């Protein structure tokens, strides 16, 4: 049996339900009718790195060690500032892809937040949000990065800085919407390629476009 986890960061039922009711999201409607729907309780703190890592591991932040976007060094002396570093990966516990790999299952892990650097898995992992840039090795195996850009030349891990803050600078929503759509389309292209061309038992893919749009456009959305 094959299994897919399809995650969308920042997508709320307050936005999803009206779109489903007016017929804009027929596939989500099918999932609602043939499956089940519920509001999940997030973990504390309810932040992207902690929440997605808890979902991936089944552990509380106290067990996997991810609480925030940042981690801080121990204070060396009283009154001194603690150095901060970007938190890119959990410190403890096994994720579902580790467990499945140990059982010999083929896994595809795409764009899950806080998965940089990518781990050795029985399959392919492509790091997601919190990856420093596309210049680093963000795939496992490392050699897959070349294949990725051959198949999807304009693939993006996340929006570029200028795209994310285009509304603040220009006061227009079109640039960030267009950039988000391009990023999402390329993620779909890569996902479909992997599902069709690579062996797999388990696929875990996360889309972040909804989150990137809700931050600058929330007042307009609701």
C-alpha atoms as a PDB file:
ATOM      1  CA  UNK A   1       0.000   0.000   0.000  1.00  0.00           C
ATOM      2  CA  UNK A   2       1.245   3.459  -0.894  1.00  0.00           C
ATOM      3  CA  UNK A   3       0.709   6.479   1.352  1.00  0.00           C
ATOM      4  CA  UNK A   4       0.954  10.217   0.704  1.00  0.00           C
ATOM      5  CA  UNK A   5       1.025  13.031   3.248  1.00  0.00           C
ATOM      6  CA  UNK A   6       0.013  16.224   1.457  1.00  0.00           C
ATOM      7  CA  UNK A   7       0.668  19.216   3.690  1.00  0.00           C
ATOM      8  CA  UNK A   8      -0.186  22.879   3.137  1.00  0.00           C
ATOM      9  CA  UNK A   9       1.393  25.369   5.516  1.00  0.00           C
ATOM     10  CA  UNK A  10      -0.879  28.168   6.709  1.00  0.00           C
ATOM     11  CA  UNK A  11      -4.099  26.968   5.044  1.00  0.00           C
ATOM     12  CA  UNK A  12      -7.117  27.442   7.300  1.00  0.00           C
ATOM     13  CA  UNK A  13     -10.665  26.121   6.932  1.00  0.00           C
ATOM     14  CA  UNK A  14     -11.853  29.751   7.041  1.00  0.00           C
ATOM     15  CA  UNK A  15     -10.328  30.111   3.582  1.00  0.00           C
ATOM     16  CA  UNK A  16     -10.702  26.524   2.363  1.00  0.00           C
ATOM     17  CA  UNK A  17     -14.409  25.946   3.044  1.00  0.00           C
ATOM     18  CA  UNK A  18     -15.776  28.929   1.073  1.00  0.00           C
ATOM     19  CA  UNK A  19     -13.635  27.967  -1.922  1.00  0.00           C
ATOM     20  CA  UNK A  20     -14.880  24.379  -1.728  1.00  0.00           C
ATOM     21  CA  UNK A  21     -18.509  25.488  -1.435  1.00  0.00           C
ATOM     22  CA  UNK A  22     -18.367  27.592  -4.573  1.00  0.00           C
ATOM     23  CA  UNK A  23     -16.749  24.758  -6.539  1.00  0.00           C
ATOM     24  CA  UNK A  24     -13.223  26.110  -6.878  1.00  0.00           C
ATOM     25  CA  UNK A  25     -11.571  23.128  -5.128  1.00  0.00           C
ATOM     26  CA  UNK A  26     -13.300  19.926  -6.321  1.00  0.00           C
ATOM     27  CA  UNK A  27     -10.469  17.643  -5.193  1.00  0.00           C
ATOM     28  CA  UNK A  28     -10.523  19.038  -1.664  1.00  0.00           C
ATOM     29  CA  UNK A  29     -14.285  18.521  -1.728  1.00  0.00           C
ATOM     30  CA  UNK A  30     -13.759  14.861  -2.637  1.00  0.00           C
ATOM     31  CA  UNK A  31     -11.321  14.442   0.235  1.00  0.00           C
ATOM     32  CA  UNK A  32     -13.859  15.985   2.610  1.00  0.00           C
ATOM     33  CA  UNK A  33     -16.704  13.762   1.372  1.00  0.00           C
ATOM     34  CA  UNK A  34     -14.789  10.490   1.172  1.00  0.00           C
ATOM     35  CA  UNK A  35     -12.463  10.997   4.104  1.00  0.00           C
ATOM     36  CA  UNK A  36     -12.642  12.950   7.333  1.00  0.00           C
ATOM     37  CA  UNK A  37     -11.977  16.481   8.459  1.00  0.00           C
ATOM     38  CA  UNK A  38     -10.932  17.917  11.809  1.00  0.00           C
ATOM     39  CA  UNK A  39      -9.203  20.870  13.390  1.00  0.00           C
ATOM     40  CA  UNK A  40      -5.869  19.666  14.754  1.00  0.00           C
ATOM     41  CA  UNK A  41      -4.383  20.923  17.972  1.00  0.00           C
ATOM     42  CA  UNK A  42      -0.980  22.461  17.380  1.00  0.00           C
ATOM     43  CA  UNK A  43       1.962  22.106  19.737  1.00  0.00           C
ATOM     44  CA  UNK A  44       3.353  24.774  21.992  1.00  0.00           C
ATOM     45  CA  UNK A  45       4.858  26.967  20.778  1.00  0.00           C
ATOM     46  CA  UNK A  46       2.518  27.009  17.727  1.00  0.00           C
ATOM     47  CA  UNK A  47       5.253  27.932  15.249  1.00  0.00           C
ATOM     48  CA  UNK A  48       6.107  26.399  11.885  1.00  0.00           C
ATOM     49  CA  UNK A  49       9.356  24.594  12.862  1.00  0.00           C
ATOM     50  CA  UNK A  50       7.948  23.093  16.066  1.00  0.00           C
ATOM     51  CA  UNK A  51       4.574  22.126  14.578  1.00  0.00           C
ATOM     52  CA  UNK A  52       5.875  20.426  11.425  1.00  0.00           C
ATOM     53  CA  UNK A  53       8.595  18.602  13.344  1.00  0.00           C
ATOM     54  CA  UNK A  54       6.010  17.305  15.818  1.00  0.00           C
ATOM     55  CA  UNK A  55       3.830  16.136  12.930  1.00  0.00           C
ATOM     56  CA  UNK A  56       6.787  14.360  11.335  1.00  0.00           C
ATOM     57  CA  UNK A  57       7.992  12.674  14.519  1.00  0.00           C
ATOM     58  CA  UNK A  58       4.916  12.312  16.724  1.00  0.00           C
ATOM     59  CA  UNK A  59       6.938  13.946  19.500  1.00  0.00           C
ATOM     60  CA  UNK A  60       6.498  17.077  21.575  1.00  0.00           C
ATOM     61  CA  UNK A  61       9.075  19.877  21.121  1.00  0.00           C
ATOM     62  CA  UNK A  62      10.690  18.844  24.395  1.00  0.00           C
ATOM     63  CA  UNK A  63      11.547  15.504  22.766  1.00  0.00           C
ATOM     64  CA  UNK A  64      12.601  16.601  19.280  1.00  0.00           C
ATOM     65  CA  UNK A  65      14.276  19.840  20.404  1.00  0.00           C
ATOM     66  CA  UNK A  66      12.742  22.313  17.951  1.00  0.00           C
ATOM     67  CA  UNK A  67      10.964  25.252  19.576  1.00  0.00           C
ATOM     68  CA  UNK A  68      11.551  28.207  17.307  1.00  0.00           C
ATOM     69  CA  UNK A  69      13.142  29.490  14.130  1.00  0.00           C
ATOM     70  CA  UNK A  70      16.252  30.170  16.190  1.00  0.00           C
ATOM     71  CA  UNK A  71      18.394  28.386  18.750  1.00  0.00           C
ATOM     72  CA  UNK A  72      20.623  30.158  21.212  1.00  0.00           C
ATOM     73  CA  UNK A  73      24.013  29.363  22.672  1.00  0.00           C
ATOM     74  CA  UNK A  74      24.420  29.107  26.419  1.00  0.00           C
ATOM     75  CA  UNK A  75      25.104  32.421  28.127  1.00  0.00           C
ATOM     76  CA  UNK A  76      28.846  32.419  28.826  1.00  0.00           C
ATOM     77  CA  UNK A  77      28.813  35.104  31.512  1.00  0.00           C
ATOM     78  CA  UNK A  78      26.271  37.254  33.271  1.00  0.00           C
ATOM     79  CA  UNK A  79      25.102  40.192  31.173  1.00  0.00           C
ATOM     80  CA  UNK A  80      26.551  38.886  27.901  1.00  0.00           C
ATOM     81  CA  UNK A  81      24.387  38.378  24.824  1.00  0.00           C
ATOM     82  CA  UNK A  82      23.736  34.833  23.648  1.00  0.00           C
ATOM     83  CA  UNK A  83      24.547  34.090  20.020  1.00  0.00           C
ATOM     84  CA  UNK A  84      21.596  33.015  17.893  1.00  0.00           C
ATOM     85  CA  UNK A  85      21.648  30.488  15.054  1.00  0.00           C
ATOM     86  CA  UNK A  86      18.931  29.496  12.617  1.00  0.00           C
ATOM     87  CA  UNK A  87      17.299  26.237  13.705  1.00  0.00           C
ATOM     88  CA  UNK A  88      17.209  24.089  10.592  1.00  0.00           C
ATOM     89  CA  UNK A  89      16.855  20.561  11.921  1.00  0.00           C
ATOM     90  CA  UNK A  90      15.556  18.632  14.907  1.00  0.00           C
ATOM     91  CA  UNK A  91      17.894  17.489  17.663  1.00  0.00           C
ATOM     92  CA  UNK A  92      16.197  14.289  18.735  1.00  0.00           C
ATOM     93  CA  UNK A  93      13.767  11.559  17.767  1.00  0.00           C
ATOM     94  CA  UNK A  94      13.087   9.708  14.543  1.00  0.00           C
ATOM     95  CA  UNK A  95      10.851  11.080  11.818  1.00  0.00           C
ATOM     96  CA  UNK A  96       8.405   8.882   9.949  1.00  0.00           C
ATOM     97  CA  UNK A  97      10.777   8.714   6.967  1.00  0.00           C
ATOM     98  CA  UNK A  98      13.550   7.347   9.208  1.00  0.00           C
ATOM     99  CA  UNK A  99      11.323   4.603  10.571  1.00  0.00           C
ATOM    100  CA  UNK A 100      10.004   3.613   7.155  1.00  0.00           C
ATOM    101  CA  UNK A 101      13.537   3.601   5.717  1.00  0.00           C
ATOM    102  CA  UNK A 102      14.618   1.213   8.456  1.00  0.00           C
ATOM    103  CA  UNK A 103      11.817  -1.129   7.403  1.00  0.00           C
ATOM    104  CA  UNK A 104      13.014  -1.035   3.802  1.00  0.00           C
ATOM    105  CA  UNK A 105      10.272   1.227   2.468  1.00  0.00           C
ATOM    106  CA  UNK A 106      11.078   3.673  -0.318  1.00  0.00           C
ATOM    107  CA  UNK A 107      10.371   7.267   0.722  1.00  0.00           C
ATOM    108  CA  UNK A 108      10.047  10.616  -1.054  1.00  0.00           C
ATOM    109  CA  UNK A 109      10.297  13.659   1.244  1.00  0.00           C
ATOM    110  CA  UNK A 110       9.792  17.048  -0.407  1.00  0.00           C
ATOM    111  CA  UNK A 111       9.948  20.504   1.094  1.00  0.00           C
ATOM    112  CA  UNK A 112       9.115  19.586   4.696  1.00  0.00           C
ATOM    113  CA  UNK A 113      10.121  22.527   6.941  1.00  0.00           C
ATOM    114  CA  UNK A 114      13.192  22.140   9.138  1.00  0.00           C
ATOM    115  CA  UNK A 115      14.778  19.265   7.214  1.00  0.00           C
ATOM    116  CA  UNK A 116      18.099  20.871   6.311  1.00  0.00           C
ATOM    117  CA  UNK A 117      20.610  19.397   5.914  1.00  0.00           C
ATOM    118  CA  UNK A 118      18.803  16.471   4.236  1.00  0.00           C
ATOM    119  CA  UNK A 119      19.094  13.118   5.955  1.00  0.00           C
ATOM    120  CA  UNK A 120      20.154   9.803   4.486  1.00  0.00           C
ATOM    121  CA  UNK A 121      16.925   7.966   3.670  1.00  0.00           C
ATOM    122  CA  UNK A 122      15.905   4.972   1.621  1.00  0.00           C
ATOM    123  CA  UNK A 123      14.815   7.155  -1.259  1.00  0.00           C
ATOM    124  CA  UNK A 124      14.998  10.895  -1.923  1.00  0.00           C
ATOM    125  CA  UNK A 125      14.808  13.883   0.399  1.00  0.00           C
ATOM    126  CA  UNK A 126      14.620  17.523  -0.727  1.00  0.00           C
ATOM    127  CA  UNK A 127      14.966  20.013   2.108  1.00  0.00           C
ATOM    128  CA  UNK A 128      12.330  22.676   2.593  1.00  0.00           C
ATOM    129  CA  UNK A 129      11.813  25.899   4.507  1.00  0.00           C
ATOM    130  CA  UNK A 130      14.858  27.010   6.548  1.00  0.00           C
ATOM    131  CA  UNK A 131      17.277  25.728   3.900  1.00  0.00           C
ATOM    132  CA  UNK A 132      19.889  28.521   3.556  1.00  0.00           C
ATOM    133  CA  UNK A 133      19.773  28.730  -0.247  1.00  0.00           C
ATOM    134  CA  UNK A 134      19.764  26.695  -3.429  1.00  0.00           C
ATOM    135  CA  UNK A 135      23.565  26.956  -3.491  1.00  0.00           C
ATOM    136  CA  UNK A 136      23.964  24.388  -0.706  1.00  0.00           C
ATOM    137  CA  UNK A 137      23.455  20.636  -0.942  1.00  0.00           C
ATOM    138  CA  UNK A 138      19.728  20.405  -0.209  1.00  0.00           C
ATOM    139  CA  UNK A 139      18.977  16.956  -1.651  1.00  0.00           C
ATOM    140  CA  UNK A 140      19.708  13.409  -0.636  1.00  0.00           C
ATOM    141  CA  UNK A 141      21.414  11.909  -2.413  1.00  0.00           C
ATOM    142  CA  UNK A 142      23.535  14.936  -3.331  1.00  0.00           C
ATOM    143  CA  UNK A 143      23.634  13.780  -6.936  1.00  0.00           C
ATOM    144  CA  UNK A 144      19.860  14.223  -7.254  1.00  0.00           C
ATOM    145  CA  UNK A 145      20.238  18.013  -7.205  1.00  0.00           C
ATOM    146  CA  UNK A 146      21.572  17.932 -10.774  1.00  0.00           C
ATOM    147  CA  UNK A 147      18.662  15.752 -11.895  1.00  0.00           C
ATOM    148  CA  UNK A 148      16.192  18.027 -10.118  1.00  0.00           C
ATOM    149  CA  UNK A 149      17.322  21.116 -12.030  1.00  0.00           C
ATOM    150  CA  UNK A 150      17.437  19.176 -15.264  1.00  0.00           C
ATOM    151  CA  UNK A 151      13.786  18.177 -14.826  1.00  0.00           C
ATOM    152  CA  UNK A 152      12.576  21.454 -13.273  1.00  0.00           C
ATOM    153  CA  UNK A 153      15.140  24.139 -14.206  1.00  0.00           C
ATOM    154  CA  UNK A 154      13.411  26.963 -12.314  1.00  0.00           C
ATOM    155  CA  UNK A 155      12.588  25.002  -9.148  1.00  0.00           C
ATOM    156  CA  UNK A 156      12.445  27.141  -5.977  1.00  0.00           C
ATOM    157  CA  UNK A 157      12.843  25.971  -2.396  1.00  0.00           C
ATOM    158  CA  UNK A 158      10.960  29.067  -1.256  1.00  0.00           C
ATOM    159  CA  UNK A 159      10.140  32.561  -2.460  1.00  0.00           C
ATOM    160  CA  UNK A 160      13.002  34.932  -3.044  1.00  0.00           C
ATOM    161  CA  UNK A 161      13.390  37.748  -0.527  1.00  0.00           C
ATOM    162  CA  UNK A 162      12.301  40.403  -3.045  1.00  0.00           C
ATOM    163  CA  UNK A 163       9.178  38.419  -3.949  1.00  0.00           C
ATOM    164  CA  UNK A 164       8.158  37.886  -0.323  1.00  0.00           C
ATOM    165  CA  UNK A 165       8.381  41.574   0.512  1.00  0.00           C
ATOM    166  CA  UNK A 166       7.171  42.992  -2.798  1.00  0.00           C
ATOM    167  CA  UNK A 167       3.871  44.152  -1.276  1.00  0.00           C
ATOM    168  CA  UNK A 168       5.647  46.110   1.424  1.00  0.00           C
ATOM    169  CA  UNK A 169       7.827  47.830  -1.143  1.00  0.00           C
ATOM    170  CA  UNK A 170       5.384  48.320  -4.023  1.00  0.00           C
ATOM    171  CA  UNK A 171       2.015  48.073  -2.311  1.00  0.00           C
ATOM    172  CA  UNK A 172       0.724  45.638  -4.945  1.00  0.00           C
ATOM    173  CA  UNK A 173      -0.348  42.031  -4.476  1.00  0.00           C
ATOM    174  CA  UNK A 174       0.232  40.814  -8.048  1.00  0.00           C
ATOM    175  CA  UNK A 175       4.009  40.211  -7.787  1.00  0.00           C
ATOM    176  CA  UNK A 176       3.815  38.029  -4.668  1.00  0.00           C
ATOM    177  CA  UNK A 177       0.799  36.112  -6.030  1.00  0.00           C
ATOM    178  CA  UNK A 178       2.556  35.468  -9.343  1.00  0.00           C
ATOM    179  CA  UNK A 179       5.755  34.378  -7.602  1.00  0.00           C
ATOM    180  CA  UNK A 180       3.836  32.055  -5.298  1.00  0.00           C
ATOM    181  CA  UNK A 181       2.001  30.454  -8.205  1.00  0.00           C
ATOM    182  CA  UNK A 182       5.272  29.877 -10.090  1.00  0.00           C
ATOM    183  CA  UNK A 183       6.872  28.288  -7.046  1.00  0.00           C
ATOM    184  CA  UNK A 184       3.834  26.063  -6.470  1.00  0.00           C
ATOM    185  CA  UNK A 185       3.624  24.964 -10.099  1.00  0.00           C
ATOM    186  CA  UNK A 186       7.287  23.942 -10.079  1.00  0.00           C
ATOM    187  CA  UNK A 187       6.766  22.002  -6.842  1.00  0.00           C
ATOM    188  CA  UNK A 188       3.894  20.147  -8.507  1.00  0.00           C
ATOM    189  CA  UNK A 189       6.070  19.425 -11.552  1.00  0.00           C
ATOM    190  CA  UNK A 190       8.797  17.918  -9.373  1.00  0.00           C
ATOM    191  CA  UNK A 191       6.346  15.933  -7.258  1.00  0.00           C
ATOM    192  CA  UNK A 192       4.663  14.423 -10.306  1.00  0.00           C
ATOM    193  CA  UNK A 193       8.030  13.526 -11.803  1.00  0.00           C
ATOM    194  CA  UNK A 194       9.093  11.705  -8.643  1.00  0.00           C
ATOM    195  CA  UNK A 195       5.783   9.878  -8.282  1.00  0.00           C
ATOM    196  CA  UNK A 196       5.943   8.696 -11.888  1.00  0.00           C
ATOM    197  CA  UNK A 197       9.652   8.006 -12.336  1.00  0.00           C
ATOM    198  CA  UNK A 198      10.963   6.902  -8.932  1.00  0.00           C
ATOM    199  CA  UNK A 199      10.109   3.880  -6.784  1.00  0.00           C
ATOM    200  CA  UNK A 200       8.174   4.831  -3.663  1.00  0.00           C
ATOM    201  CA  UNK A 201       5.981   3.515  -0.880  1.00  0.00           C
ATOM    202  CA  UNK A 202       5.583   6.769   1.050  1.00  0.00           C
ATOM    203  CA  UNK A 203       5.536  10.381  -0.141  1.00  0.00           C
ATOM    204  CA  UNK A 204       5.501  13.409   2.138  1.00  0.00           C
ATOM    205  CA  UNK A 205       5.226  16.769   0.355  1.00  0.00           C
ATOM    206  CA  UNK A 206       4.581  20.216   1.799  1.00  0.00           C
ATOM    207  CA  UNK A 207       3.385  23.331  -0.019  1.00  0.00           C
ATOM    208  CA  UNK A 208       4.014  26.722   1.612  1.00  0.00           C
ATOM    209  CA  UNK A 209       2.286  29.068  -0.835  1.00  0.00           C
ATOM    210  CA  UNK A 210      -0.798  29.583   1.320  1.00  0.00           C
ATOM    211  CA  UNK A 211       1.356  30.812   4.183  1.00  0.00           C
ATOM    212  CA  UNK A 212       3.345  33.133   1.935  1.00  0.00           C
ATOM    213  CA  UNK A 213       0.110  34.743   0.722  1.00  0.00           C
ATOM    214  CA  UNK A 214      -1.779  34.970   4.003  1.00  0.00           C
ATOM    215  CA  UNK A 215       0.844  37.083   5.762  1.00  0.00           C
ATOM    216  CA  UNK A 216       0.612  40.101   3.424  1.00  0.00           C
ATOM    217  CA  UNK A 217      -2.962  39.513   2.214  1.00  0.00           C
ATOM    218  CA  UNK A 218      -4.900  38.260   5.253  1.00  0.00           C
ATOM    219  CA  UNK A 219      -7.052  41.368   5.591  1.00  0.00           C
ATOM    220  CA  UNK A 220      -8.092  41.040   1.948  1.00  0.00           C
ATOM    221  CA  UNK A 221      -8.695  37.281   2.151  1.00  0.00           C
ATOM    222  CA  UNK A 222     -11.127  37.381   5.061  1.00  0.00           C
END
